[in-house]
Amino acid sequence: MTSENTKLRKQTLARRDALAPALQHEKSLRIGRTLLDLPLLHDCVTLLVYVAFRSEVQTLPIITTLLESGKTVAVPLTLVREKRLLGITINEPEKELVPGYCGIPEPEASLIPDNTIDPAIIDLVIVPGSVFDRQGGRLGYGGGYYDRFLALEAPQATRIALAYQLQIVDKIHLEPHDQTMDMIITENSVYPCRRI
């Protein structure tokens, strides 16, 4: 990652962390409603949805609503040694999620044998990130987990990023491995970026 991108990520995350919890909650609800109202969501059967950590756009209400509407919802489990993500289906987030990699809520290990899904069946991935641009460019957190997953394991899946408006910039200098989004949803706008 370029030093310019490292600095941009650090500044943006500091601003995101400074958002008052009540504002994070309010903005997250607006973002979630916009996502859940998308017509394309009705045709999706299997989704991979990140579980929010720290000041990320909150996703547990989204996961709960999707489960209630009969969707198959998987959440990521980080395999640090292999540098990859597994999609693990869950039914009861409040019971099945435990602190995992870097303290991020992840499915408990007992779910891995029976609940790991084939990435090829995922219709939609809800992606976190630190900084985004209006063309669908994304800076993650530096591990490359989502870039590898989207490029190598679930290239067929639509990619939608959730972000606060303060995370949107005019242009990010992308590296060749950086994966772009199909859509970015903030509390103020929807940015269609690529295949949608």
Foldseek 3Di string as FASTA:
>chain_A
DDPVVVVLLVVLVVVLLPDPPVRLQVFLVLLLVVVVPDPVVVPFAEEEEEQDDRRWRHCPVSVQVCLVVNHFYWYWDADPVVLETWTFTDNDQVPQWAQHDVGGTHGDPVRVPPGTDQLQSGAAYEDEARAAELQQFGHHDPSCHVLCCCVPGNVNHAYEYEGAPSRYDHDDDDDPSTDGHQWYTTSVDIRGHPDD
